[in-house]
Amino acid sequence: MASTADAAFSGAQYLMGLQVFVKLTTFSMNAVVICLAGHKAFGVASVQFELLLSTILFLSREGMRSALLRIDVNRGTDDRVQSDADRSSVQSRRPPVYEQRIINAALVPIGVG
C-alpha cells in the first residue's frame, strides 16, 4: 500500500515540477520578447494571438457540436435482441459511414489549428 501511495506522490511531484518549469519558461520567454520587441508590438501580437486561439477553439467546438447534433441515435436500431457474437464483432462498434463522415468533418478545424 505504501509503495502505491509513494508512486502516486512521486508522480504528483513530477507534475507540479513540470507546471512550475513551464510557467517559469513562459515568463522568461515573454520577458525576452518584451525586451527585444517593445511593449506596443508585444501587446498587439499578444492580442492577435489570443484572437486566433479563440477563433480556432470556437470553430473546433462548433464543428463538433453540430456534428453531434446531426447524429441520429435511433437510426438503424430495432427491437430484436442481438447475440453475443454480434455484440463482440468489430463492425458493430464502428459508427455508420454517414456518422463517421460527420465526425471527420467536425475534426478538421482541430487539425488546422
C-alpha atoms as a PDB file:
ATOM      1  CA  MET A   1       0.000   0.000   0.000  1.00  0.00           C
ATOM      2  CA  ALA A   2       2.806   2.374   0.852  1.00  0.00           C
ATOM      3  CA  SER A   3       4.532   1.796  -2.478  1.00  0.00           C
ATOM      4  CA  THR A   4       1.372   2.774  -4.369  1.00  0.00           C
ATOM      5  CA  ALA A   5       0.983   5.945  -2.321  1.00  0.00           C
ATOM      6  CA  ASP A   6       4.677   6.751  -2.767  1.00  0.00           C
ATOM      7  CA  ALA A   7       4.400   6.239  -6.523  1.00  0.00           C
ATOM      8  CA  ALA A   8       1.326   8.483  -6.702  1.00  0.00           C
ATOM      9  CA  PHE A   9       3.025  11.173  -4.627  1.00  0.00           C
ATOM     10  CA  SER A  10       6.143  10.941  -6.783  1.00  0.00           C
ATOM     11  CA  GLY A  11       4.020  11.322  -9.931  1.00  0.00           C
ATOM     12  CA  ALA A  12       2.256  14.337  -8.433  1.00  0.00           C
ATOM     13  CA  GLN A  13       5.631  15.894  -7.601  1.00  0.00           C
ATOM     14  CA  TYR A  14       6.755  15.458 -11.202  1.00  0.00           C
ATOM     15  CA  LEU A  15       3.555  17.060 -12.492  1.00  0.00           C
ATOM     16  CA  MET A  16       3.881  20.032 -10.134  1.00  0.00           C
ATOM     17  CA  GLY A  17       7.540  20.442 -11.056  1.00  0.00           C
ATOM     18  CA  LEU A  18       6.653  20.346 -14.736  1.00  0.00           C
ATOM     19  CA  GLN A  19       3.972  23.017 -14.231  1.00  0.00           C
ATOM     20  CA  VAL A  20       6.436  25.276 -12.394  1.00  0.00           C
ATOM     21  CA  PHE A  21       9.021  24.744 -15.138  1.00  0.00           C
ATOM     22  CA  VAL A  22       6.536  25.563 -17.895  1.00  0.00           C
ATOM     23  CA  LYS A  23       5.310  28.706 -16.123  1.00  0.00           C
ATOM     24  CA  LEU A  24       8.866  29.946 -15.482  1.00  0.00           C
ATOM     25  CA  THR A  25       9.886  29.217 -19.076  1.00  0.00           C
ATOM     26  CA  THR A  26       6.849  31.065 -20.423  1.00  0.00           C
ATOM     27  CA  PHE A  27       7.523  34.029 -18.150  1.00  0.00           C
ATOM     28  CA  SER A  28      11.189  34.227 -19.146  1.00  0.00           C
ATOM     29  CA  MET A  29      10.405  33.940 -22.867  1.00  0.00           C
ATOM     30  CA  ASN A  30       7.791  36.687 -22.580  1.00  0.00           C
ATOM     31  CA  ALA A  31      10.319  38.884 -20.758  1.00  0.00           C
ATOM     32  CA  VAL A  32      12.875  38.352 -23.539  1.00  0.00           C
ATOM     33  CA  VAL A  33      10.295  39.143 -26.235  1.00  0.00           C
ATOM     34  CA  ILE A  34       9.208  42.330 -24.433  1.00  0.00           C
ATOM     35  CA  CYS A  35      12.828  43.488 -24.203  1.00  0.00           C
ATOM     36  CA  LEU A  36      13.522  42.770 -27.871  1.00  0.00           C
ATOM     37  CA  ALA A  37      10.236  43.843 -29.454  1.00  0.00           C
ATOM     38  CA  GLY A  38       8.969  46.624 -27.254  1.00  0.00           C
ATOM     39  CA  HIS A  39       5.775  46.943 -25.285  1.00  0.00           C
ATOM     40  CA  LYS A  40       3.486  48.139 -28.073  1.00  0.00           C
ATOM     41  CA  ALA A  41       4.457  45.478 -30.623  1.00  0.00           C
ATOM     42  CA  PHE A  42       4.260  42.747 -27.994  1.00  0.00           C
ATOM     43  CA  GLY A  43       0.802  43.897 -26.924  1.00  0.00           C
ATOM     44  CA  VAL A  44      -0.554  43.925 -30.480  1.00  0.00           C
ATOM     45  CA  ALA A  45       0.930  40.495 -31.251  1.00  0.00           C
ATOM     46  CA  SER A  46      -0.410  39.096 -27.982  1.00  0.00           C
ATOM     47  CA  VAL A  47      -3.943  40.317 -28.677  1.00  0.00           C
ATOM     48  CA  GLN A  48      -3.848  38.965 -32.230  1.00  0.00           C
ATOM     49  CA  PHE A  49      -2.557  35.617 -30.980  1.00  0.00           C
ATOM     50  CA  GLU A  50      -5.326  35.358 -28.382  1.00  0.00           C
ATOM     51  CA  LEU A  51      -7.906  36.202 -31.047  1.00  0.00           C
ATOM     52  CA  LEU A  52      -6.517  33.478 -33.287  1.00  0.00           C
ATOM     53  CA  LEU A  53      -6.589  30.923 -30.467  1.00  0.00           C
ATOM     54  CA  SER A  54     -10.154  31.846 -29.525  1.00  0.00           C
ATOM     55  CA  THR A  55     -11.284  31.576 -33.151  1.00  0.00           C
ATOM     56  CA  ILE A  56      -9.716  28.140 -33.610  1.00  0.00           C
ATOM     57  CA  LEU A  57     -11.197  26.912 -30.350  1.00  0.00           C
ATOM     58  CA  PHE A  58     -14.648  28.215 -31.290  1.00  0.00           C
ATOM     59  CA  LEU A  59     -14.534  26.609 -34.745  1.00  0.00           C
ATOM     60  CA  SER A  60     -13.442  23.294 -33.264  1.00  0.00           C
ATOM     61  CA  ARG A  61     -16.184  23.282 -30.657  1.00  0.00           C
ATOM     62  CA  GLU A  62     -18.859  24.450 -33.076  1.00  0.00           C
ATOM     63  CA  GLY A  63     -17.929  21.799 -35.632  1.00  0.00           C
ATOM     64  CA  MET A  64     -18.044  19.057 -33.058  1.00  0.00           C
ATOM     65  CA  ARG A  65     -21.305  20.351 -31.567  1.00  0.00           C
ATOM     66  CA  SER A  66     -23.051  20.499 -34.935  1.00  0.00           C
ATOM     67  CA  ALA A  67     -21.742  17.049 -35.870  1.00  0.00           C
ATOM     68  CA  LEU A  68     -23.052  15.550 -32.662  1.00  0.00           C
ATOM     69  CA  LEU A  69     -26.437  17.187 -33.185  1.00  0.00           C
ATOM     70  CA  ARG A  70     -26.749  15.622 -36.644  1.00  0.00           C
ATOM     71  CA  ILE A  71     -26.163  12.060 -35.497  1.00  0.00           C
ATOM     72  CA  ASP A  72     -29.438  10.170 -35.289  1.00  0.00           C
ATOM     73  CA  VAL A  73     -29.169   7.850 -32.322  1.00  0.00           C
ATOM     74  CA  ASN A  74     -32.266   5.831 -33.230  1.00  0.00           C
ATOM     75  CA  ARG A  75     -31.299   5.222 -36.861  1.00  0.00           C
ATOM     76  CA  GLY A  76     -30.617   1.596 -37.646  1.00  0.00           C
ATOM     77  CA  THR A  77     -31.854   0.196 -34.339  1.00  0.00           C
ATOM     78  CA  ASP A  78     -34.688  -2.239 -33.991  1.00  0.00           C
ATOM     79  CA  ASP A  79     -36.325  -4.251 -31.219  1.00  0.00           C
ATOM     80  CA  ARG A  80     -34.584  -7.564 -31.869  1.00  0.00           C
ATOM     81  CA  VAL A  81     -32.077  -8.901 -29.346  1.00  0.00           C
ATOM     82  CA  GLN A  82     -28.518  -9.153 -30.580  1.00  0.00           C
ATOM     83  CA  SER A  83     -26.500 -12.263 -29.915  1.00  0.00           C
ATOM     84  CA  ASP A  84     -23.161 -12.169 -28.119  1.00  0.00           C
ATOM     85  CA  ALA A  85     -21.336 -12.715 -31.411  1.00  0.00           C
ATOM     86  CA  ASP A  86     -22.994  -9.624 -32.892  1.00  0.00           C
ATOM     87  CA  ARG A  87     -22.111  -7.515 -29.880  1.00  0.00           C
ATOM     88  CA  SER A  88     -18.474  -8.521 -29.907  1.00  0.00           C
ATOM     89  CA  SER A  89     -17.882  -8.007 -33.609  1.00  0.00           C
ATOM     90  CA  VAL A  90     -15.732  -5.093 -34.673  1.00  0.00           C
ATOM     91  CA  GLN A  91     -18.255  -3.966 -37.261  1.00  0.00           C
ATOM     92  CA  SER A  92     -20.962  -3.342 -34.648  1.00  0.00           C
ATOM     93  CA  ARG A  93     -18.659  -0.981 -32.706  1.00  0.00           C
ATOM     94  CA  ARG A  94     -17.904   1.230 -35.693  1.00  0.00           C
ATOM     95  CA  PRO A  95     -20.230   4.129 -36.454  1.00  0.00           C
ATOM     96  CA  PRO A  96     -22.083   4.060 -39.773  1.00  0.00           C
ATOM     97  CA  VAL A  97     -20.414   5.734 -42.735  1.00  0.00           C
ATOM     98  CA  TYR A  98     -22.577   8.866 -42.615  1.00  0.00           C
ATOM     99  CA  GLU A  99     -21.798   9.375 -38.924  1.00  0.00           C
ATOM    100  CA  GLN A 100     -18.081   8.871 -39.493  1.00  0.00           C
ATOM    101  CA  ARG A 101     -18.100  11.478 -42.279  1.00  0.00           C
ATOM    102  CA  ILE A 102     -19.771  13.999 -39.969  1.00  0.00           C
ATOM    103  CA  ILE A 103     -17.261  13.299 -37.211  1.00  0.00           C
ATOM    104  CA  ASN A 104     -14.332  13.599 -39.624  1.00  0.00           C
ATOM    105  CA  ALA A 105     -15.629  16.933 -40.919  1.00  0.00           C
ATOM    106  CA  ALA A 106     -16.007  18.204 -37.350  1.00  0.00           C
ATOM    107  CA  LEU A 107     -12.392  17.307 -36.542  1.00  0.00           C
ATOM    108  CA  VAL A 108     -10.918  19.296 -39.457  1.00  0.00           C
ATOM    109  CA  PRO A 109     -10.665  22.626 -37.535  1.00  0.00           C
ATOM    110  CA  ILE A 110      -8.704  20.934 -34.756  1.00  0.00           C
ATOM    111  CA  GLY A 111      -6.120  19.686 -37.238  1.00  0.00           C
ATOM    112  CA  VAL A 112      -5.941  23.045 -38.975  1.00  0.00           C
ATOM    113  CA  GLY A 113      -5.464  24.807 -35.650  1.00  0.00           C
END
